[in-house]
Amino acid sequence: MSRRDVSPEPPRQPALREKARVMDADGIRRAIVRMAHEILERNKSMERLVLLGIPSRGVPIAERLARAIEAIEGARPPLGALDIARHRDDRPRQGRRGPDASDATLPVSVAGRHVVLVDDVLFTGRTARAAMDALIEAGRPATIQLAVLIDRGHRELPIRPDYVGKNVPTSAREHVAVRLAESDGRDEVVIEEPAG
């Protein structure tokens, strides 16, 4: 077997250790309820509201927001997911599809609606930019709003969230881990740093 036949090993991620726990299950629950109230207050009603989660952890957070809104209003807003993989600028583009193709699981048309994009952590802003590109490809909303559980700073693009569960100042070398019961078996937000 020649050296060419052996695929290179992916770069190893440094081992991380927990530095601080910034939210527990109750803190996450309270943040989501508060954000649900803020979404309703800003949009006046649920009539044209749509929640779209950004995979992976934005989807269960959007589901929790929809449940919290339902508990307040007695009705649930339309809820979907928005796959942004094709719109990211940190991965090579492979065969752009036509303008009809959408990576969204949309419960309704987004045209003329107030769309709230939901994600777990806002960092550089590049994920939010990719989500806006994917959304606009699917239709022309009246407004696009952004809800994030954690805003950790370090923006590379001029993007600001409309709804924030918690602002968590971090250094660039730190990692914010959002763990949710739906995917991780428990609810918590921790700051991690390279071990050693």
C-alpha atoms as a PDB file:
ATOM      1  CA  MET A   1       0.000   0.000   0.000  1.00  0.00           C
ATOM      2  CA  SER A   2       1.459   3.327  -1.046  1.00  0.00           C
ATOM      3  CA  ARG A   3       1.450   6.422   1.119  1.00  0.00           C
ATOM      4  CA  ARG A   4      -1.165   7.927  -1.203  1.00  0.00           C
ATOM      5  CA  ASP A   5      -3.667   5.184  -0.379  1.00  0.00           C
ATOM      6  CA  VAL A   6      -3.643   6.049   3.312  1.00  0.00           C
ATOM      7  CA  SER A   7      -5.987   8.886   4.140  1.00  0.00           C
ATOM      8  CA  PRO A   8      -4.520  11.434   6.533  1.00  0.00           C
ATOM      9  CA  GLU A   9      -5.782  11.379  10.096  1.00  0.00           C
ATOM     10  CA  PRO A  10      -8.040  14.285  10.987  1.00  0.00           C
ATOM     11  CA  PRO A  11      -6.397  16.824  13.290  1.00  0.00           C
ATOM     12  CA  ARG A  12      -6.935  15.930  16.916  1.00  0.00           C
ATOM     13  CA  GLN A  13      -9.079  18.253  18.974  1.00  0.00           C
ATOM     14  CA  PRO A  14      -7.404  19.291  22.215  1.00  0.00           C
ATOM     15  CA  ALA A  15      -8.812  17.689  25.327  1.00  0.00           C
ATOM     16  CA  LEU A  16     -11.161  20.022  27.153  1.00  0.00           C
ATOM     17  CA  ARG A  17     -11.913  20.350  30.846  1.00  0.00           C
ATOM     18  CA  GLU A  18     -14.838  22.070  32.484  1.00  0.00           C
ATOM     19  CA  LYS A  19     -13.974  25.540  33.713  1.00  0.00           C
ATOM     20  CA  ALA A  20     -17.384  26.770  34.865  1.00  0.00           C
ATOM     21  CA  ARG A  21     -21.050  25.778  34.791  1.00  0.00           C
ATOM     22  CA  VAL A  22     -23.023  28.863  33.744  1.00  0.00           C
ATOM     23  CA  MET A  23     -26.556  27.432  33.514  1.00  0.00           C
ATOM     24  CA  ASP A  24     -28.313  24.443  35.009  1.00  0.00           C
ATOM     25  CA  ALA A  25     -31.650  22.922  33.964  1.00  0.00           C
ATOM     26  CA  ASP A  26     -33.666  25.478  35.925  1.00  0.00           C
ATOM     27  CA  GLY A  27     -31.649  28.374  34.502  1.00  0.00           C
ATOM     28  CA  ILE A  28     -32.246  27.127  30.952  1.00  0.00           C
ATOM     29  CA  ARG A  29     -35.974  26.742  31.634  1.00  0.00           C
ATOM     30  CA  ARG A  30     -36.261  30.273  33.047  1.00  0.00           C
ATOM     31  CA  ALA A  31     -34.310  31.744  30.119  1.00  0.00           C
ATOM     32  CA  ILE A  32     -36.588  30.046  27.587  1.00  0.00           C
ATOM     33  CA  VAL A  33     -39.760  31.233  29.332  1.00  0.00           C
ATOM     34  CA  ARG A  34     -38.393  34.805  29.445  1.00  0.00           C
ATOM     35  CA  MET A  35     -37.414  34.666  25.765  1.00  0.00           C
ATOM     36  CA  ALA A  36     -40.913  33.380  24.867  1.00  0.00           C
ATOM     37  CA  HIS A  37     -42.466  36.400  26.626  1.00  0.00           C
ATOM     38  CA  GLU A  38     -40.050  38.740  24.798  1.00  0.00           C
ATOM     39  CA  ILE A  39     -40.891  37.181  21.420  1.00  0.00           C
ATOM     40  CA  LEU A  40     -44.615  37.649  22.033  1.00  0.00           C
ATOM     41  CA  GLU A  41     -44.155  41.206  23.286  1.00  0.00           C
ATOM     42  CA  ARG A  42     -42.125  42.253  20.256  1.00  0.00           C
ATOM     43  CA  ASN A  43     -44.371  40.571  17.687  1.00  0.00           C
ATOM     44  CA  LYS A  44     -47.671  41.630  19.336  1.00  0.00           C
ATOM     45  CA  SER A  45     -49.308  38.297  18.484  1.00  0.00           C
ATOM     46  CA  MET A  46     -48.608  34.816  17.192  1.00  0.00           C
ATOM     47  CA  GLU A  47     -50.607  35.339  14.023  1.00  0.00           C
ATOM     48  CA  ARG A  48     -47.661  35.567  11.583  1.00  0.00           C
ATOM     49  CA  LEU A  49     -44.949  34.084  13.808  1.00  0.00           C
ATOM     50  CA  VAL A  50     -42.799  31.094  12.739  1.00  0.00           C
ATOM     51  CA  LEU A  51     -39.979  29.478  14.746  1.00  0.00           C
ATOM     52  CA  LEU A  52     -37.148  27.763  12.833  1.00  0.00           C
ATOM     53  CA  GLY A  53     -34.459  25.882  14.748  1.00  0.00           C
ATOM     54  CA  ILE A  54     -30.921  25.592  13.393  1.00  0.00           C
ATOM     55  CA  PRO A  55     -29.674  21.996  13.816  1.00  0.00           C
ATOM     56  CA  SER A  56     -28.612  20.515  15.931  1.00  0.00           C
ATOM     57  CA  ARG A  57     -29.404  22.049  19.334  1.00  0.00           C
ATOM     58  CA  GLY A  58     -31.353  24.993  17.934  1.00  0.00           C
ATOM     59  CA  VAL A  59     -34.160  22.595  17.013  1.00  0.00           C
ATOM     60  CA  PRO A  60     -34.981  21.396  20.567  1.00  0.00           C
ATOM     61  CA  ILE A  61     -34.583  24.958  21.876  1.00  0.00           C
ATOM     62  CA  ALA A  62     -37.116  26.118  19.245  1.00  0.00           C
ATOM     63  CA  GLU A  63     -39.443  23.300  20.355  1.00  0.00           C
ATOM     64  CA  ARG A  64     -39.135  24.443  23.977  1.00  0.00           C
ATOM     65  CA  LEU A  65     -39.841  28.046  22.950  1.00  0.00           C
ATOM     66  CA  ALA A  66     -42.940  26.874  21.040  1.00  0.00           C
ATOM     67  CA  ARG A  67     -44.173  25.012  24.148  1.00  0.00           C
ATOM     68  CA  ALA A  68     -43.537  28.071  26.335  1.00  0.00           C
ATOM     69  CA  ILE A  69     -45.440  30.299  23.884  1.00  0.00           C
ATOM     70  CA  GLU A  70     -48.286  27.775  23.844  1.00  0.00           C
ATOM     71  CA  ALA A  71     -48.417  27.855  27.667  1.00  0.00           C
ATOM     72  CA  ILE A  72     -48.740  31.651  27.543  1.00  0.00           C
ATOM     73  CA  GLU A  73     -51.060  32.070  24.536  1.00  0.00           C
ATOM     74  CA  GLY A  74     -52.932  28.768  24.404  1.00  0.00           C
ATOM     75  CA  ALA A  75     -51.746  28.114  20.842  1.00  0.00           C
ATOM     76  CA  ARG A  76     -48.461  26.960  19.355  1.00  0.00           C
ATOM     77  CA  PRO A  77     -46.665  28.841  16.566  1.00  0.00           C
ATOM     78  CA  PRO A  78     -45.598  26.919  13.437  1.00  0.00           C
ATOM     79  CA  LEU A  79     -42.257  25.217  14.071  1.00  0.00           C
ATOM     80  CA  GLY A  80     -39.635  23.906  11.651  1.00  0.00           C
ATOM     81  CA  ALA A  81     -35.931  23.287  11.099  1.00  0.00           C
ATOM     82  CA  LEU A  82     -33.472  25.021   8.798  1.00  0.00           C
ATOM     83  CA  ASP A  83     -30.496  23.020   7.559  1.00  0.00           C
ATOM     84  CA  ILE A  84     -27.751  25.517   6.723  1.00  0.00           C
ATOM     85  CA  ALA A  85     -24.959  23.118   5.677  1.00  0.00           C
ATOM     86  CA  ARG A  86     -25.012  24.208   2.027  1.00  0.00           C
ATOM     87  CA  HIS A  87     -24.768  27.885   2.983  1.00  0.00           C
ATOM     88  CA  ARG A  88     -21.800  27.737   5.352  1.00  0.00           C
ATOM     89  CA  ASP A  89     -18.655  29.583   4.292  1.00  0.00           C
ATOM     90  CA  ASP A  90     -16.254  27.384   6.268  1.00  0.00           C
ATOM     91  CA  ARG A  91     -16.796  24.279   4.129  1.00  0.00           C
ATOM     92  CA  PRO A  92     -16.194  23.716   0.398  1.00  0.00           C
ATOM     93  CA  ARG A  93     -19.267  24.148  -1.793  1.00  0.00           C
ATOM     94  CA  GLN A  94     -20.238  21.005  -3.626  1.00  0.00           C
ATOM     95  CA  GLY A  95     -22.652  21.471  -6.478  1.00  0.00           C
ATOM     96  CA  ARG A  96     -24.941  24.344  -5.647  1.00  0.00           C
ATOM     97  CA  ARG A  97     -28.542  23.364  -6.345  1.00  0.00           C
ATOM     98  CA  GLY A  98     -31.072  25.520  -8.119  1.00  0.00           C
ATOM     99  CA  PRO A  99     -33.015  28.366  -6.517  1.00  0.00           C
ATOM    100  CA  ASP A 100     -36.068  26.134  -5.862  1.00  0.00           C
ATOM    101  CA  ALA A 101     -34.083  23.787  -3.676  1.00  0.00           C
ATOM    102  CA  SER A 102     -34.464  24.454   0.002  1.00  0.00           C
ATOM    103  CA  ASP A 103     -32.818  22.844   2.991  1.00  0.00           C
ATOM    104  CA  ALA A 104     -35.676  23.897   5.222  1.00  0.00           C
ATOM    105  CA  THR A 105     -38.376  21.810   6.828  1.00  0.00           C
ATOM    106  CA  LEU A 106     -40.952  24.562   6.709  1.00  0.00           C
ATOM    107  CA  PRO A 107     -44.341  24.135   8.379  1.00  0.00           C
ATOM    108  CA  VAL A 108     -45.769  27.062   6.366  1.00  0.00           C
ATOM    109  CA  SER A 109     -44.620  29.528   3.735  1.00  0.00           C
ATOM    110  CA  VAL A 110     -42.271  32.100   5.274  1.00  0.00           C
ATOM    111  CA  ALA A 111     -43.405  34.872   2.904  1.00  0.00           C
ATOM    112  CA  GLY A 112     -44.694  37.838   4.888  1.00  0.00           C
ATOM    113  CA  ARG A 113     -44.098  36.067   8.221  1.00  0.00           C
ATOM    114  CA  HIS A 114     -42.079  37.059  11.269  1.00  0.00           C
ATOM    115  CA  VAL A 115     -39.459  34.307  11.378  1.00  0.00           C
ATOM    116  CA  VAL A 116     -37.456  33.675  14.538  1.00  0.00           C
ATOM    117  CA  LEU A 117     -34.269  31.718  13.858  1.00  0.00           C
ATOM    118  CA  VAL A 118     -33.269  29.763  16.975  1.00  0.00           C
ATOM    119  CA  ASP A 119     -29.771  28.529  17.839  1.00  0.00           C
ATOM    120  CA  ASP A 120     -27.914  27.420  20.941  1.00  0.00           C
ATOM    121  CA  VAL A 121     -24.763  29.602  20.835  1.00  0.00           C
ATOM    122  CA  LEU A 122     -23.966  32.801  18.936  1.00  0.00           C
ATOM    123  CA  PHE A 123     -20.225  33.115  18.396  1.00  0.00           C
ATOM    124  CA  THR A 124     -18.756  34.560  15.172  1.00  0.00           C
ATOM    125  CA  GLY A 125     -22.139  35.138  13.518  1.00  0.00           C
ATOM    126  CA  ARG A 126     -21.339  32.950  10.511  1.00  0.00           C
ATOM    127  CA  THR A 127     -23.967  30.324  11.357  1.00  0.00           C
ATOM    128  CA  ALA A 128     -26.624  33.038  11.645  1.00  0.00           C
ATOM    129  CA  ARG A 129     -25.547  34.496   8.289  1.00  0.00           C
ATOM    130  CA  ALA A 130     -25.805  31.065   6.650  1.00  0.00           C
ATOM    131  CA  ALA A 131     -29.258  30.597   8.205  1.00  0.00           C
ATOM    132  CA  MET A 132     -30.438  33.920   6.777  1.00  0.00           C
ATOM    133  CA  ASP A 133     -29.172  32.903   3.325  1.00  0.00           C
ATOM    134  CA  ALA A 134     -31.024  29.573   3.539  1.00  0.00           C
ATOM    135  CA  LEU A 135     -34.193  31.273   4.762  1.00  0.00           C
ATOM    136  CA  ILE A 136     -34.233  33.951   2.065  1.00  0.00           C
ATOM    137  CA  GLU A 137     -33.775  31.238  -0.539  1.00  0.00           C
ATOM    138  CA  ALA A 138     -37.015  29.704   0.776  1.00  0.00           C
ATOM    139  CA  GLY A 139     -39.045  32.928   0.673  1.00  0.00           C
ATOM    140  CA  ARG A 140     -39.231  36.578   1.710  1.00  0.00           C
ATOM    141  CA  PRO A 141     -40.178  36.957   5.377  1.00  0.00           C
ATOM    142  CA  ALA A 142     -41.534  40.244   6.753  1.00  0.00           C
ATOM    143  CA  THR A 143     -38.803  40.131   9.422  1.00  0.00           C
ATOM    144  CA  ILE A 144     -36.000  37.804  10.461  1.00  0.00           C
ATOM    145  CA  GLN A 145     -35.231  37.693  14.179  1.00  0.00           C
ATOM    146  CA  LEU A 146     -32.575  35.725  16.018  1.00  0.00           C
ATOM    147  CA  ALA A 147     -32.983  33.944  19.372  1.00  0.00           C
ATOM    148  CA  VAL A 148     -29.992  32.289  21.027  1.00  0.00           C
ATOM    149  CA  LEU A 149     -29.633  30.589  24.366  1.00  0.00           C
ATOM    150  CA  ILE A 150     -26.037  31.837  24.772  1.00  0.00           C
ATOM    151  CA  ASP A 151     -24.264  34.876  23.286  1.00  0.00           C
ATOM    152  CA  ARG A 152     -20.544  34.433  23.862  1.00  0.00           C
ATOM    153  CA  GLY A 153     -19.235  37.390  21.862  1.00  0.00           C
ATOM    154  CA  HIS A 154     -16.309  37.348  19.383  1.00  0.00           C
ATOM    155  CA  ARG A 155     -18.413  38.383  16.381  1.00  0.00           C
ATOM    156  CA  GLU A 156     -16.807  38.368  12.924  1.00  0.00           C
ATOM    157  CA  LEU A 157     -19.940  39.691  11.208  1.00  0.00           C
ATOM    158  CA  PRO A 158     -22.301  42.554  12.147  1.00  0.00           C
ATOM    159  CA  ILE A 159     -24.981  40.280  13.617  1.00  0.00           C
ATOM    160  CA  ARG A 160     -26.783  40.871  16.908  1.00  0.00           C
ATOM    161  CA  PRO A 161     -29.390  38.589  18.504  1.00  0.00           C
ATOM    162  CA  ASP A 162     -32.877  39.889  19.269  1.00  0.00           C
ATOM    163  CA  TYR A 163     -33.433  37.463  22.169  1.00  0.00           C
ATOM    164  CA  VAL A 164     -30.677  36.118  24.438  1.00  0.00           C
ATOM    165  CA  GLY A 165     -30.973  33.579  27.226  1.00  0.00           C
ATOM    166  CA  LYS A 166     -27.637  34.590  28.749  1.00  0.00           C
ATOM    167  CA  ASN A 167     -24.593  36.643  27.766  1.00  0.00           C
ATOM    168  CA  VAL A 168     -21.462  34.672  28.605  1.00  0.00           C
ATOM    169  CA  PRO A 169     -18.161  36.515  28.073  1.00  0.00           C
ATOM    170  CA  THR A 170     -15.498  34.042  26.960  1.00  0.00           C
ATOM    171  CA  SER A 171     -11.974  34.003  25.591  1.00  0.00           C
ATOM    172  CA  ALA A 172     -11.440  32.755  22.048  1.00  0.00           C
ATOM    173  CA  ARG A 173      -9.706  29.597  23.329  1.00  0.00           C
ATOM    174  CA  GLU A 174     -12.667  28.586  25.467  1.00  0.00           C
ATOM    175  CA  HIS A 175     -15.585  26.449  24.284  1.00  0.00           C
ATOM    176  CA  VAL A 176     -19.219  26.813  25.319  1.00  0.00           C
ATOM    177  CA  ALA A 177     -20.961  23.444  25.573  1.00  0.00           C
ATOM    178  CA  VAL A 178     -24.761  23.496  25.574  1.00  0.00           C
ATOM    179  CA  ARG A 179     -26.151  20.148  26.667  1.00  0.00           C
ATOM    180  CA  LEU A 180     -29.845  19.396  26.343  1.00  0.00           C
ATOM    181  CA  ALA A 181     -31.870  16.471  27.639  1.00  0.00           C
ATOM    182  CA  GLU A 182     -33.103  15.683  24.105  1.00  0.00           C
ATOM    183  CA  SER A 183     -29.595  15.025  22.763  1.00  0.00           C
ATOM    184  CA  ASP A 184     -27.294  14.766  25.785  1.00  0.00           C
ATOM    185  CA  GLY A 185     -29.457  13.371  28.580  1.00  0.00           C
ATOM    186  CA  ARG A 186     -29.180  16.496  30.756  1.00  0.00           C
ATOM    187  CA  ASP A 187     -29.630  20.261  30.612  1.00  0.00           C
ATOM    188  CA  GLU A 188     -26.625  22.458  31.324  1.00  0.00           C
ATOM    189  CA  VAL A 189     -24.324  25.055  29.821  1.00  0.00           C
ATOM    190  CA  VAL A 190     -20.638  24.854  30.678  1.00  0.00           C
ATOM    191  CA  ILE A 191     -17.521  26.739  29.661  1.00  0.00           C
ATOM    192  CA  GLU A 192     -14.668  24.412  28.763  1.00  0.00           C
ATOM    193  CA  GLU A 193     -11.009  25.192  28.213  1.00  0.00           C
ATOM    194  CA  PRO A 194      -8.071  23.178  26.860  1.00  0.00           C
ATOM    195  CA  ALA A 195      -6.733  20.821  29.501  1.00  0.00           C
ATOM    196  CA  GLY A 196      -3.137  21.452  30.483  1.00  0.00           C
END
